[in-house]
Amino acid sequence: MKIQLSNTDGKMSQRLLRLISESSDEFVKAGGDVLIDFGHPSALTETLAAKMPTVIGTTGLSSVQMDEIRAASAEQPILYSANFSLGVAVLNHLVARANQLLAGWDVELIETHHNRKLDVPSGTANLLLDSLKTNKTLTIGRHENGARDPREIGVHSVRGGNIAGIHEVEFLGADETVTLKHEAYSADIFAHGALTAAKWLVTRPAGLYDMNAVLFGTSNEN
């Protein structure tokens, strides 16, 4: 497979280049089979203009830019995900299923990252929250006073050290708790996942896909 990158400067792009060089795939600057984008949000329009199978892992996109991706997917296959870890994709799948089976239980989400991370909650936390489809409201942190509102989902963000990422979802019922957790030890897992997604996407028709489509044949997006 011939792979183009939207840029080669970022840390994720450097990881992708290393993994590509260690595989039978080939990095090309033009004429590729698929484009992988971990660039800056400001470059999204230029990325989509290539009109080729595109894997997008850029974070910090606005709602307008997400609409731009949806519009472009009518003419080209696009796979967007806030997290390309295969383990997180499985976690997300399990969270959605547990939320169905444990309806009425309290839900808490705790995400932990390195001390340089800017967004709160993390993109992966928001991905998991999307799978907790419910009429509950989000509470960032915990109220100082008062009992827990049964209609809320508590979201807690911890920042410190050089932690690549820990995401934990707790379902708390009467006299029992179910905890689903994923822990990342290296950002290489995201590069591996993006390459897996690219190989899957390259033969797909136009449409908008996510990692659920890659692993389970279903998609939250399409």
Foldseek 3Di string as FASTA:
>chain_A
DEEEEPDCPDPLNVLLVVVCVVDPYHYDNDDGLEYEYQDELVCLVVVLVVQHEYEYQHPPHDPVSVVVVQVSLVRYEYEYDPFLQPLLLVLLVVLLVVLVVLPQFAKEKEKEAEQVDDDPPGRSVVSSVVSNDDQADEDEADDPDDDDDSRYYYYYYHYHDHFHMKMKMWGHDVPDIDIGIDGDDDPSSRSVSSVLVRVVRSPDGRGYAYVCCSPPVDGPGD
